[in-house]
Amino acid sequence: MGYGNLSRGVEAAIKNCDDLELVAVFTRRNPDSVKIKTENVPVLS
């Protein structure tokens, strides 16, 4: 929920964990304006 500095830190940590998977990011901003680093994961309102 949200994609600020902390959420980006969690996203980076998930990449290092074989048992964790990022499946969605939710934002109060326009989802089209939020670019995340993980491919094929939706950014939603």
ModelCIF file with pLDDT and N, C-alpha, C, O atoms, coordinates in Angstrom:
data_MODEL
#
_entry.id   MODEL 
#
_entity.id                         1 
_entity.type                       polymer 
_entity.pdbx_number_of_molecules   1 
#
_entity_poly.entity_id                      1 
_entity_poly.type                           'polypeptide(L)' 
_entity_poly.nstd_linkage                   no 
_entity_poly.nstd_monomer                   no 
_entity_poly.pdbx_seq_one_letter_code       MGYGNLSRGVEAAIKNCDDLELVAVFTRRNPDSVKIKTENVPVLS 
_entity_poly.pdbx_seq_one_letter_code_can   MGYGNLSRGVEAAIKNCDDLELVAVFTRRNPDSVKIKTENVPVLS 
_entity_poly.pdbx_strand_id                 A 
#
loop_
_entity_poly_seq.entity_id 
_entity_poly_seq.num 
_entity_poly_seq.mon_id 
_entity_poly_seq.hetero 
1 1  MET n 
1 2  GLY n 
1 3  TYR n 
1 4  GLY n 
1 5  ASN n 
1 6  LEU n 
1 7  SER n 
1 8  ARG n 
1 9  GLY n 
1 10 VAL n 
1 11 GLU n 
1 12 ALA n 
1 13 ALA n 
1 14 ILE n 
1 15 LYS n 
1 16 ASN n 
1 17 CYS n 
1 18 ASP n 
1 19 ASP n 
1 20 LEU n 
1 21 GLU n 
1 22 LEU n 
1 23 VAL n 
1 24 ALA n 
1 25 VAL n 
1 26 PHE n 
1 27 THR n 
1 28 ARG n 
1 29 ARG n 
1 30 ASN n 
1 31 PRO n 
1 32 ASP n 
1 33 SER n 
1 34 VAL n 
1 35 LYS n 
1 36 ILE n 
1 37 LYS n 
1 38 THR n 
1 39 GLU n 
1 40 ASN n 
1 41 VAL n 
1 42 PRO n 
1 43 VAL n 
1 44 LEU n 
1 45 SER n 
#
_struct_asym.id          A 
_struct_asym.entity_id   1 
#
loop_
_ma_qa_metric.id 
_ma_qa_metric.mode 
_ma_qa_metric.name 
_ma_qa_metric.software_group_id 
_ma_qa_metric.type 
1 global pLDDT . pLDDT 
2 local  pLDDT . pLDDT 
#
_ma_qa_metric_global.metric_id      1 
_ma_qa_metric_global.metric_value   97.18 
_ma_qa_metric_global.model_id       1 
_ma_qa_metric_global.ordinal_id     1 
#
loop_
_ma_qa_metric_local.label_asym_id 
_ma_qa_metric_local.label_comp_id 
_ma_qa_metric_local.label_seq_id 
_ma_qa_metric_local.metric_id 
_ma_qa_metric_local.metric_value 
_ma_qa_metric_local.model_id 
_ma_qa_metric_local.ordinal_id 
A MET 1  2 98.00 1 1  
A GLY 2  2 97.00 1 2  
A TYR 3  2 97.00 1 3  
A GLY 4  2 93.00 1 4  
A ASN 5  2 92.00 1 5  
A LEU 6  2 95.00 1 6  
A SER 7  2 97.00 1 7  
A ARG 8  2 97.00 1 8  
A GLY 9  2 97.00 1 9  
A VAL 10 2 98.00 1 10 
A GLU 11 2 98.00 1 11 
A ALA 12 2 98.00 1 12 
A ALA 13 2 98.00 1 13 
A ILE 14 2 98.00 1 14 
A LYS 15 2 98.00 1 15 
A ASN 16 2 97.00 1 16 
A CYS 17 2 98.00 1 17 
A ASP 18 2 97.00 1 18 
A ASP 19 2 98.00 1 19 
A LEU 20 2 98.00 1 20 
A GLU 21 2 98.00 1 21 
A LEU 22 2 98.00 1 22 
A VAL 23 2 98.00 1 23 
A ALA 24 2 98.00 1 24 
A VAL 25 2 98.00 1 25 
A PHE 26 2 98.00 1 26 
A THR 27 2 98.00 1 27 
A ARG 28 2 96.00 1 28 
A ARG 29 2 96.00 1 29 
A ASN 30 2 97.00 1 30 
A PRO 31 2 97.00 1 31 
A ASP 32 2 96.00 1 32 
A SER 33 2 96.00 1 33 
A VAL 34 2 97.00 1 34 
A LYS 35 2 97.00 1 35 
A ILE 36 2 98.00 1 36 
A LYS 37 2 97.00 1 37 
A THR 38 2 98.00 1 38 
A GLU 39 2 96.00 1 39 
A ASN 40 2 97.00 1 40 
A VAL 41 2 98.00 1 41 
A PRO 42 2 98.00 1 42 
A VAL 43 2 98.00 1 43 
A LEU 44 2 98.00 1 44 
A SER 45 2 98.00 1 45 
#
loop_
_atom_site.group_PDB 
_atom_site.id 
_atom_site.type_symbol 
_atom_site.label_atom_id 
_atom_site.label_alt_id 
_atom_site.label_comp_id 
_atom_site.label_asym_id 
_atom_site.label_entity_id 
_atom_site.label_seq_id 
_atom_site.pdbx_PDB_ins_code 
_atom_site.Cartn_x 
_atom_site.Cartn_y 
_atom_site.Cartn_z 
_atom_site.occupancy 
_atom_site.B_iso_or_equiv 
_atom_site.pdbx_formal_charge 
_atom_site.auth_seq_id 
_atom_site.auth_comp_id 
_atom_site.auth_asym_id 
_atom_site.auth_atom_id 
_atom_site.pdbx_PDB_model_num 
ATOM 1   N N  . MET A 1 1  ? 0.856  -1.179  0.000   1.00 98.00 ? 1  MET A N  1 
ATOM 2   C CA . MET A 1 1  ? 0.000  0.000   0.000   1.00 98.00 ? 1  MET A CA 1 
ATOM 3   C C  . MET A 1 1  ? 0.899  1.240   0.000   1.00 98.00 ? 1  MET A C  1 
ATOM 4   O O  . MET A 1 1  ? 1.560  1.555   0.990   1.00 98.00 ? 1  MET A O  1 
ATOM 5   N N  . GLY A 1 2  ? 0.901  1.926   -1.137  1.00 97.00 ? 2  GLY A N  1 
ATOM 6   C CA . GLY A 1 2  ? 1.796  3.062   -1.309  1.00 97.00 ? 2  GLY A CA 1 
ATOM 7   C C  . GLY A 1 2  ? 3.097  2.631   -1.959  1.00 97.00 ? 2  GLY A C  1 
ATOM 8   O O  . GLY A 1 2  ? 3.488  1.466   -1.890  1.00 97.00 ? 2  GLY A O  1 
ATOM 9   N N  . TYR A 1 3  ? 3.761  3.593   -2.592  1.00 97.00 ? 3  TYR A N  1 
ATOM 10  C CA . TYR A 1 3  ? 5.024  3.270   -3.261  1.00 97.00 ? 3  TYR A CA 1 
ATOM 11  C C  . TYR A 1 3  ? 6.038  4.402   -3.058  1.00 97.00 ? 3  TYR A C  1 
ATOM 12  O O  . TYR A 1 3  ? 6.547  4.991   -4.011  1.00 97.00 ? 3  TYR A O  1 
ATOM 13  N N  . GLY A 1 4  ? 6.309  4.681   -1.780  1.00 93.00 ? 4  GLY A N  1 
ATOM 14  C CA . GLY A 1 4  ? 7.362  5.620   -1.433  1.00 93.00 ? 4  GLY A CA 1 
ATOM 15  C C  . GLY A 1 4  ? 8.657  4.889   -1.152  1.00 93.00 ? 4  GLY A C  1 
ATOM 16  O O  . GLY A 1 4  ? 8.838  3.745   -1.568  1.00 93.00 ? 4  GLY A O  1 
ATOM 17  N N  . ASN A 1 5  ? 9.563  5.559   -0.439  1.00 92.00 ? 5  ASN A N  1 
ATOM 18  C CA . ASN A 1 5  ? 10.879 4.977   -0.173  1.00 92.00 ? 5  ASN A CA 1 
ATOM 19  C C  . ASN A 1 5  ? 10.788 3.633   0.549   1.00 92.00 ? 5  ASN A C  1 
ATOM 20  O O  . ASN A 1 5  ? 11.510 2.694   0.213   1.00 92.00 ? 5  ASN A O  1 
ATOM 21  N N  . LEU A 1 6  ? 9.898  3.542   1.544   1.00 95.00 ? 6  LEU A N  1 
ATOM 22  C CA . LEU A 1 6  ? 9.806  2.313   2.323   1.00 95.00 ? 6  LEU A CA 1 
ATOM 23  C C  . LEU A 1 6  ? 9.283  1.164   1.471   1.00 95.00 ? 6  LEU A C  1 
ATOM 24  O O  . LEU A 1 6  ? 9.836  0.066   1.519   1.00 95.00 ? 6  LEU A O  1 
ATOM 25  N N  . SER A 1 7  ? 8.228  1.395   0.692   1.00 97.00 ? 7  SER A N  1 
ATOM 26  C CA . SER A 1 7  ? 7.687  0.319   -0.153  1.00 97.00 ? 7  SER A CA 1 
ATOM 27  C C  . SER A 1 7  ? 8.703  -0.127  -1.191  1.00 97.00 ? 7  SER A C  1 
ATOM 28  O O  . SER A 1 7  ? 8.776  -1.310  -1.521  1.00 97.00 ? 7  SER A O  1 
ATOM 29  N N  . ARG A 1 8  ? 9.488  0.811   -1.706  1.00 97.00 ? 8  ARG A N  1 
ATOM 30  C CA . ARG A 1 8  ? 10.543 0.419   -2.648  1.00 97.00 ? 8  ARG A CA 1 
ATOM 31  C C  . ARG A 1 8  ? 11.584 -0.445  -1.942  1.00 97.00 ? 8  ARG A C  1 
ATOM 32  O O  . ARG A 1 8  ? 12.158 -1.349  -2.547  1.00 97.00 ? 8  ARG A O  1 
ATOM 33  N N  . GLY A 1 9  ? 11.827 -0.165  -0.661  1.00 97.00 ? 9  GLY A N  1 
ATOM 34  C CA . GLY A 1 9  ? 12.738 -1.006  0.106   1.00 97.00 ? 9  GLY A CA 1 
ATOM 35  C C  . GLY A 1 9  ? 12.191 -2.406  0.300   1.00 97.00 ? 9  GLY A C  1 
ATOM 36  O O  . GLY A 1 9  ? 12.943 -3.378  0.212   1.00 97.00 ? 9  GLY A O  1 
ATOM 37  N N  . VAL A 1 10 ? 10.887 -2.532  0.565   1.00 98.00 ? 10 VAL A N  1 
ATOM 38  C CA . VAL A 1 10 ? 10.268 -3.844  0.690   1.00 98.00 ? 10 VAL A CA 1 
ATOM 39  C C  . VAL A 1 10 ? 10.323 -4.582  -0.648  1.00 98.00 ? 10 VAL A C  1 
ATOM 40  O O  . VAL A 1 10 ? 10.597 -5.782  -0.691  1.00 98.00 ? 10 VAL A O  1 
ATOM 41  N N  . GLU A 1 11 ? 10.062 -3.862  -1.732  1.00 98.00 ? 11 GLU A N  1 
ATOM 42  C CA . GLU A 1 11 ? 10.136 -4.469  -3.062  1.00 98.00 ? 11 GLU A CA 1 
ATOM 43  C C  . GLU A 1 11 ? 11.527 -5.043  -3.320  1.00 98.00 ? 11 GLU A C  1 
ATOM 44  O O  . GLU A 1 11 ? 11.656 -6.150  -3.845  1.00 98.00 ? 11 GLU A O  1 
ATOM 45  N N  . ALA A 1 12 ? 12.565 -4.296  -2.954  1.00 98.00 ? 12 ALA A N  1 
ATOM 46  C CA . ALA A 1 12 ? 13.940 -4.781  -3.139  1.00 98.00 ? 12 ALA A CA 1 
ATOM 47  C C  . ALA A 1 12 ? 14.187 -6.033  -2.302  1.00 98.00 ? 12 ALA A C  1 
ATOM 48  O O  . ALA A 1 12 ? 14.859 -6.960  -2.754  1.00 98.00 ? 12 ALA A O  1 
ATOM 49  N N  . ALA A 1 13 ? 13.642 -6.065  -1.072  1.00 98.00 ? 13 ALA A N  1 
ATOM 50  C CA . ALA A 1 13 ? 13.831 -7.223  -0.198  1.00 98.00 ? 13 ALA A CA 1 
ATOM 51  C C  . ALA A 1 13 ? 13.130 -8.463  -0.759  1.00 98.00 ? 13 ALA A C  1 
ATOM 52  O O  . ALA A 1 13 ? 13.667 -9.568  -0.685  1.00 98.00 ? 13 ALA A O  1 
ATOM 53  N N  . ILE A 1 14 ? 11.941 -8.279  -1.314  1.00 98.00 ? 14 ILE A N  1 
ATOM 54  C CA . ILE A 1 14 ? 11.201 -9.411  -1.870  1.00 98.00 ? 14 ILE A CA 1 
ATOM 55  C C  . ILE A 1 14 ? 11.992 -10.093 -2.983  1.00 98.00 ? 14 ILE A C  1 
ATOM 56  O O  . ILE A 1 14 ? 11.939 -11.314 -3.132  1.00 98.00 ? 14 ILE A O  1 
ATOM 57  N N  . LYS A 1 15 ? 12.725 -9.299  -3.762  1.00 98.00 ? 15 LYS A N  1 
ATOM 58  C CA . LYS A 1 15 ? 13.527 -9.859  -4.852  1.00 98.00 ? 15 LYS A CA 1 
ATOM 59  C C  . LYS A 1 15 ? 14.587 -10.834 -4.328  1.00 98.00 ? 15 LYS A C  1 
ATOM 60  O O  . LYS A 1 15 ? 15.043 -11.709 -5.064  1.00 98.00 ? 15 LYS A O  1 
ATOM 61  N N  . ASN A 1 16 ? 14.974 -10.684 -3.066  1.00 97.00 ? 16 ASN A N  1 
ATOM 62  C CA . ASN A 1 16 ? 15.999 -11.547 -2.479  1.00 97.00 ? 16 ASN A CA 1 
ATOM 63  C C  . ASN A 1 16 ? 15.427 -12.749 -1.732  1.00 97.00 ? 16 ASN A C  1 
ATOM 64  O O  . ASN A 1 16 ? 16.175 -13.525 -1.137  1.00 97.00 ? 16 ASN A O  1 
ATOM 65  N N  . CYS A 1 17 ? 14.101 -12.905 -1.762  1.00 98.00 ? 17 CYS A N  1 
ATOM 66  C CA . CYS A 1 17 ? 13.450 -13.962 -0.991  1.00 98.00 ? 17 CYS A CA 1 
ATOM 67  C C  . CYS A 1 17 ? 12.687 -14.898 -1.927  1.00 98.00 ? 17 CYS A C  1 
ATOM 68  O O  . CYS A 1 17 ? 11.727 -14.485 -2.578  1.00 98.00 ? 17 CYS A O  1 
ATOM 69  N N  . ASP A 1 18 ? 13.108 -16.137 -1.990  1.00 97.00 ? 18 ASP A N  1 
ATOM 70  C CA . ASP A 1 18 ? 12.494 -17.091 -2.921  1.00 97.00 ? 18 ASP A CA 1 
ATOM 71  C C  . ASP A 1 18 ? 11.061 -17.450 -2.548  1.00 97.00 ? 18 ASP A C  1 
ATOM 72  O O  . ASP A 1 18 ? 10.298 -17.915 -3.395  1.00 97.00 ? 18 ASP A O  1 
ATOM 73  N N  . ASP A 1 19 ? 10.687 -17.236 -1.276  1.00 98.00 ? 19 ASP A N  1 
ATOM 74  C CA . ASP A 1 19 ? 9.345  -17.638 -0.839  1.00 98.00 ? 19 ASP A CA 1 
ATOM 75  C C  . ASP A 1 19 ? 8.354  -16.486 -0.815  1.00 98.00 ? 19 ASP A C  1 
ATOM 76  O O  . ASP A 1 19 ? 7.194  -16.684 -0.451  1.00 98.00 ? 19 ASP A O  1 
ATOM 77  N N  . LEU A 1 20 ? 8.787  -15.275 -1.197  1.00 98.00 ? 20 LEU A N  1 
ATOM 78  C CA . LEU A 1 20 ? 7.912  -14.108 -1.216  1.00 98.00 ? 20 LEU A CA 1 
ATOM 79  C C  . LEU A 1 20 ? 7.702  -13.642 -2.650  1.00 98.00 ? 20 LEU A C  1 
ATOM 80  O O  . LEU A 1 20 ? 8.614  -13.700 -3.475  1.00 98.00 ? 20 LEU A O  1 
ATOM 81  N N  . GLU A 1 21 ? 6.487  -13.180 -2.934  1.00 98.00 ? 21 GLU A N  1 
ATOM 82  C CA . GLU A 1 21 ? 6.162  -12.722 -4.285  1.00 98.00 ? 21 GLU A CA 1 
ATOM 83  C C  . GLU A 1 21 ? 5.335  -11.443 -4.192  1.00 98.00 ? 21 GLU A C  1 
ATOM 84  O O  . GLU A 1 21 ? 4.304  -11.418 -3.520  1.00 98.00 ? 21 GLU A O  1 
ATOM 85  N N  . LEU A 1 22 ? 5.785  -10.380 -4.865  1.00 98.00 ? 22 LEU A N  1 
ATOM 86  C CA . LEU A 1 22 ? 4.998  -9.155  -4.953  1.00 98.00 ? 22 LEU A CA 1 
ATOM 87  C C  . LEU A 1 22 ? 3.912  -9.351  -5.997  1.00 98.00 ? 22 LEU A C  1 
ATOM 88  O O  . LEU A 1 22 ? 4.204  -9.668  -7.150  1.00 98.00 ? 22 LEU A O  1 
ATOM 89  N N  . VAL A 1 23 ? 2.641  -9.160  -5.591  1.00 98.00 ? 23 VAL A N  1 
ATOM 90  C CA . VAL A 1 23 ? 1.543  -9.423  -6.527  1.00 98.00 ? 23 VAL A CA 1 
ATOM 91  C C  . VAL A 1 23 ? 0.757  -8.177  -6.905  1.00 98.00 ? 23 VAL A C  1 
ATOM 92  O O  . VAL A 1 23 ? 0.059  -8.184  -7.919  1.00 98.00 ? 23 VAL A O  1 
ATOM 93  N N  . ALA A 1 24 ? 0.849  -7.097  -6.113  1.00 98.00 ? 24 ALA A N  1 
ATOM 94  C CA . ALA A 1 24 ? 0.107  -5.879  -6.445  1.00 98.00 ? 24 ALA A CA 1 
ATOM 95  C C  . ALA A 1 24 ? 0.626  -4.707  -5.628  1.00 98.00 ? 24 ALA A C  1 
ATOM 96  O O  . ALA A 1 24 ? 1.086  -4.869  -4.498  1.00 98.00 ? 24 ALA A O  1 
ATOM 97  N N  . VAL A 1 25 ? 0.540  -3.520  -6.225  1.00 98.00 ? 25 VAL A N  1 
ATOM 98  C CA . VAL A 1 25 ? 0.865  -2.263  -5.546  1.00 98.00 ? 25 VAL A CA 1 
ATOM 99  C C  . VAL A 1 25 ? -0.359 -1.367  -5.650  1.00 98.00 ? 25 VAL A C  1 
ATOM 100 O O  . VAL A 1 25 ? -0.940 -1.217  -6.725  1.00 98.00 ? 25 VAL A O  1 
ATOM 101 N N  . PHE A 1 26 ? -0.750 -0.773  -4.524  1.00 98.00 ? 26 PHE A N  1 
ATOM 102 C CA . PHE A 1 26 ? -1.910 0.115   -4.491  1.00 98.00 ? 26 PHE A CA 1 
ATOM 103 C C  . PHE A 1 26 ? -1.455 1.533   -4.149  1.00 98.00 ? 26 PHE A C  1 
ATOM 104 O O  . PHE A 1 26 ? -0.543 1.726   -3.346  1.00 98.00 ? 26 PHE A O  1 
ATOM 105 N N  . THR A 1 27 ? -2.100 2.519   -4.767  1.00 98.00 ? 27 THR A N  1 
ATOM 106 C CA . THR A 1 27 ? -1.664 3.903   -4.597  1.00 98.00 ? 27 THR A CA 1 
ATOM 107 C C  . THR A 1 27 ? -2.850 4.848   -4.583  1.00 98.00 ? 27 THR A C  1 
ATOM 108 O O  . THR A 1 27 ? -3.897 4.574   -5.170  1.00 98.00 ? 27 THR A O  1 
ATOM 109 N N  . ARG A 1 28 ? -2.659 5.986   -3.888  1.00 96.00 ? 28 ARG A N  1 
ATOM 110 C CA . ARG A 1 28 ? -3.662 7.053   -3.918  1.00 96.00 ? 28 ARG A CA 1 
ATOM 111 C C  . ARG A 1 28 ? -3.427 7.987   -5.100  1.00 96.00 ? 28 ARG A C  1 
ATOM 112 O O  . ARG A 1 28 ? -4.276 8.812   -5.438  1.00 96.00 ? 28 ARG A O  1 
ATOM 113 N N  . ARG A 1 29 ? -2.268 7.841   -5.715  1.00 96.00 ? 29 ARG A N  1 
ATOM 114 C CA . ARG A 1 29 ? -1.957 8.638   -6.907  1.00 96.00 ? 29 ARG A CA 1 
ATOM 115 C C  . ARG A 1 29 ? -2.597 8.011   -8.145  1.00 96.00 ? 29 ARG A C  1 
ATOM 116 O O  . ARG A 1 29 ? -3.219 6.952   -8.067  1.00 96.00 ? 29 ARG A O  1 
ATOM 117 N N  . ASN A 1 30 ? -2.440 8.669   -9.268  1.00 97.00 ? 30 ASN A N  1 
ATOM 118 C CA . ASN A 1 30 ? -2.857 8.077   -10.537 1.00 97.00 ? 30 ASN A CA 1 
ATOM 119 C C  . ASN A 1 30 ? -1.967 6.860   -10.782 1.00 97.00 ? 30 ASN A C  1 
ATOM 120 O O  . ASN A 1 30 ? -0.752 7.013   -10.905 1.00 97.00 ? 30 ASN A O  1 
ATOM 121 N N  . PRO A 1 31 ? -2.534 5.664   -10.855 1.00 97.00 ? 31 PRO A N  1 
ATOM 122 C CA . PRO A 1 31 ? -1.690 4.466   -11.031 1.00 97.00 ? 31 PRO A CA 1 
ATOM 123 C C  . PRO A 1 31 ? -0.786 4.542   -12.256 1.00 97.00 ? 31 PRO A C  1 
ATOM 124 O O  . PRO A 1 31 ? 0.305  3.970   -12.251 1.00 97.00 ? 31 PRO A O  1 
ATOM 125 N N  . ASP A 1 32 ? -1.215 5.232   -13.296 1.00 96.00 ? 32 ASP A N  1 
ATOM 126 C CA . ASP A 1 32 ? -0.392 5.334   -14.501 1.00 96.00 ? 32 ASP A CA 1 
ATOM 127 C C  . ASP A 1 32 ? 0.886  6.131   -14.268 1.00 96.00 ? 32 ASP A C  1 
ATOM 128 O O  . ASP A 1 32 ? 1.835  6.034   -15.045 1.00 96.00 ? 32 ASP A O  1 
ATOM 129 N N  . SER A 1 33 ? 0.906  6.926   -13.183 1.00 96.00 ? 33 SER A N  1 
ATOM 130 C CA . SER A 1 33 ? 2.084  7.749   -12.896 1.00 96.00 ? 33 SER A CA 1 
ATOM 131 C C  . SER A 1 33 ? 3.105  7.033   -12.030 1.00 96.00 ? 33 SER A C  1 
ATOM 132 O O  . SER A 1 33 ? 4.193  7.561   -11.800 1.00 96.00 ? 33 SER A O  1 
ATOM 133 N N  . VAL A 1 34 ? 2.777  5.840   -11.545 1.00 97.00 ? 34 VAL A N  1 
ATOM 134 C CA . VAL A 1 34 ? 3.658  5.102   -10.633 1.00 97.00 ? 34 VAL A CA 1 
ATOM 135 C C  . VAL A 1 34 ? 4.358  3.989   -11.400 1.00 97.00 ? 34 VAL A C  1 
ATOM 136 O O  . VAL A 1 34 ? 3.704  3.084   -11.919 1.00 97.00 ? 34 VAL A O  1 
ATOM 137 N N  . LYS A 1 35 ? 5.670  4.052   -11.474 1.00 97.00 ? 35 LYS A N  1 
ATOM 138 C CA . LYS A 1 35 ? 6.466  3.047   -12.174 1.00 97.00 ? 35 LYS A CA 1 
ATOM 139 C C  . LYS A 1 35 ? 7.256  2.248   -11.148 1.00 97.00 ? 35 LYS A C  1 
ATOM 140 O O  . LYS A 1 35 ? 8.097  2.796   -10.435 1.00 97.00 ? 35 LYS A O  1 
ATOM 141 N N  . ILE A 1 36 ? 6.979  0.945   -11.077 1.00 98.00 ? 36 ILE A N  1 
ATOM 142 C CA . ILE A 1 36 ? 7.679  0.086   -10.126 1.00 98.00 ? 36 ILE A CA 1 
ATOM 143 C C  . ILE A 1 36 ? 8.760  -0.702  -10.851 1.00 98.00 ? 36 ILE A C  1 
ATOM 144 O O  . ILE A 1 36 ? 8.815  -0.728  -12.080 1.00 98.00 ? 36 ILE A O  1 
ATOM 145 N N  . LYS A 1 37 ? 9.630  -1.351  -10.054 1.00 97.00 ? 37 LYS A N  1 
ATOM 146 C CA . LYS A 1 37 ? 10.776 -2.045  -10.640 1.00 97.00 ? 37 LYS A CA 1 
ATOM 147 C C  . LYS A 1 37 ? 10.485 -3.505  -10.977 1.00 97.00 ? 37 LYS A C  1 
ATOM 148 O O  . LYS A 1 37 ? 11.214 -4.120  -11.756 1.00 97.00 ? 37 LYS A O  1 
ATOM 149 N N  . THR A 1 38 ? 9.429  -4.057  -10.396 1.00 98.00 ? 38 THR A N  1 
ATOM 150 C CA . THR A 1 38 ? 9.099  -5.465  -10.632 1.00 98.00 ? 38 THR A CA 1 
ATOM 151 C C  . THR A 1 38 ? 8.207  -5.588  -11.859 1.00 98.00 ? 38 THR A C  1 
ATOM 152 O O  . THR A 1 38 ? 7.175  -4.924  -11.958 1.00 98.00 ? 38 THR A O  1 
ATOM 153 N N  . GLU A 1 39 ? 8.605  -6.427  -12.776 1.00 96.00 ? 39 GLU A N  1 
ATOM 154 C CA . GLU A 1 39 ? 7.840  -6.581  -14.011 1.00 96.00 ? 39 GLU A CA 1 
ATOM 155 C C  . GLU A 1 39 ? 6.568  -7.395  -13.780 1.00 96.00 ? 39 GLU A C  1 
ATOM 156 O O  . GLU A 1 39 ? 6.510  -8.270  -12.916 1.00 96.00 ? 39 GLU A O  1 
ATOM 157 N N  . ASN A 1 40 ? 5.547  -7.075  -14.585 1.00 97.00 ? 40 ASN A N  1 
ATOM 158 C CA . ASN A 1 40 ? 4.297  -7.843  -14.635 1.00 97.00 ? 40 ASN A CA 1 
ATOM 159 C C  . ASN A 1 40 ? 3.533  -7.840  -13.317 1.00 97.00 ? 40 ASN A C  1 
ATOM 160 O O  . ASN A 1 40 ? 2.810  -8.789  -13.013 1.00 97.00 ? 40 ASN A O  1 
ATOM 161 N N  . VAL A 1 41 ? 3.692  -6.775  -12.536 1.00 98.00 ? 41 VAL A N  1 
ATOM 162 C CA . VAL A 1 41 ? 2.919  -6.608  -11.304 1.00 98.00 ? 41 VAL A CA 1 
ATOM 163 C C  . VAL A 1 41 ? 2.043  -5.372  -11.468 1.00 98.00 ? 41 VAL A C  1 
ATOM 164 O O  . VAL A 1 41 ? 2.562  -4.301  -11.784 1.00 98.00 ? 41 VAL A O  1 
ATOM 165 N N  . PRO A 1 42 ? 0.731  -5.486  -11.263 1.00 98.00 ? 42 PRO A N  1 
ATOM 166 C CA . PRO A 1 42 ? -0.148 -4.344  -11.491 1.00 98.00 ? 42 PRO A CA 1 
ATOM 167 C C  . PRO A 1 42 ? -0.011 -3.260  -10.427 1.00 98.00 ? 42 PRO A C  1 
ATOM 168 O O  . PRO A 1 42 ? 0.198  -3.548  -9.249  1.00 98.00 ? 42 PRO A O  1 
ATOM 169 N N  . VAL A 1 43 ? -0.134 -2.015  -10.862 1.00 98.00 ? 43 VAL A N  1 
ATOM 170 C CA . VAL A 1 43 ? -0.247 -0.868  -9.966  1.00 98.00 ? 43 VAL A CA 1 
ATOM 171 C C  . VAL A 1 43 ? -1.692 -0.398  -10.064 1.00 98.00 ? 43 VAL A C  1 
ATOM 172 O O  . VAL A 1 43 ? -2.166 -0.050  -11.145 1.00 98.00 ? 43 VAL A O  1 
ATOM 173 N N  . LEU A 1 44 ? -2.388 -0.391  -8.932  1.00 98.00 ? 44 LEU A N  1 
ATOM 174 C CA . LEU A 1 44 ? -3.823 -0.188  -8.921  1.00 98.00 ? 44 LEU A CA 1 
ATOM 175 C C  . LEU A 1 44 ? -4.208 0.950   -7.986  1.00 98.00 ? 44 LEU A C  1 
ATOM 176 O O  . LEU A 1 44 ? -3.453 1.321   -7.088  1.00 98.00 ? 44 LEU A O  1 
ATOM 177 N N  . SER A 1 45 ? -5.377 1.486   -8.212  1.00 98.00 ? 45 SER A N  1 
ATOM 178 C CA . SER A 1 45 ? -5.922 2.495   -7.311  1.00 98.00 ? 45 SER A CA 1 
ATOM 179 C C  . SER A 1 45 ? -6.263 1.864   -5.972  1.00 98.00 ? 45 SER A C  1 
ATOM 180 O O  . SER A 1 45 ? -6.738 2.552   -5.068  1.00 98.00 ? 45 SER A O  1 
#
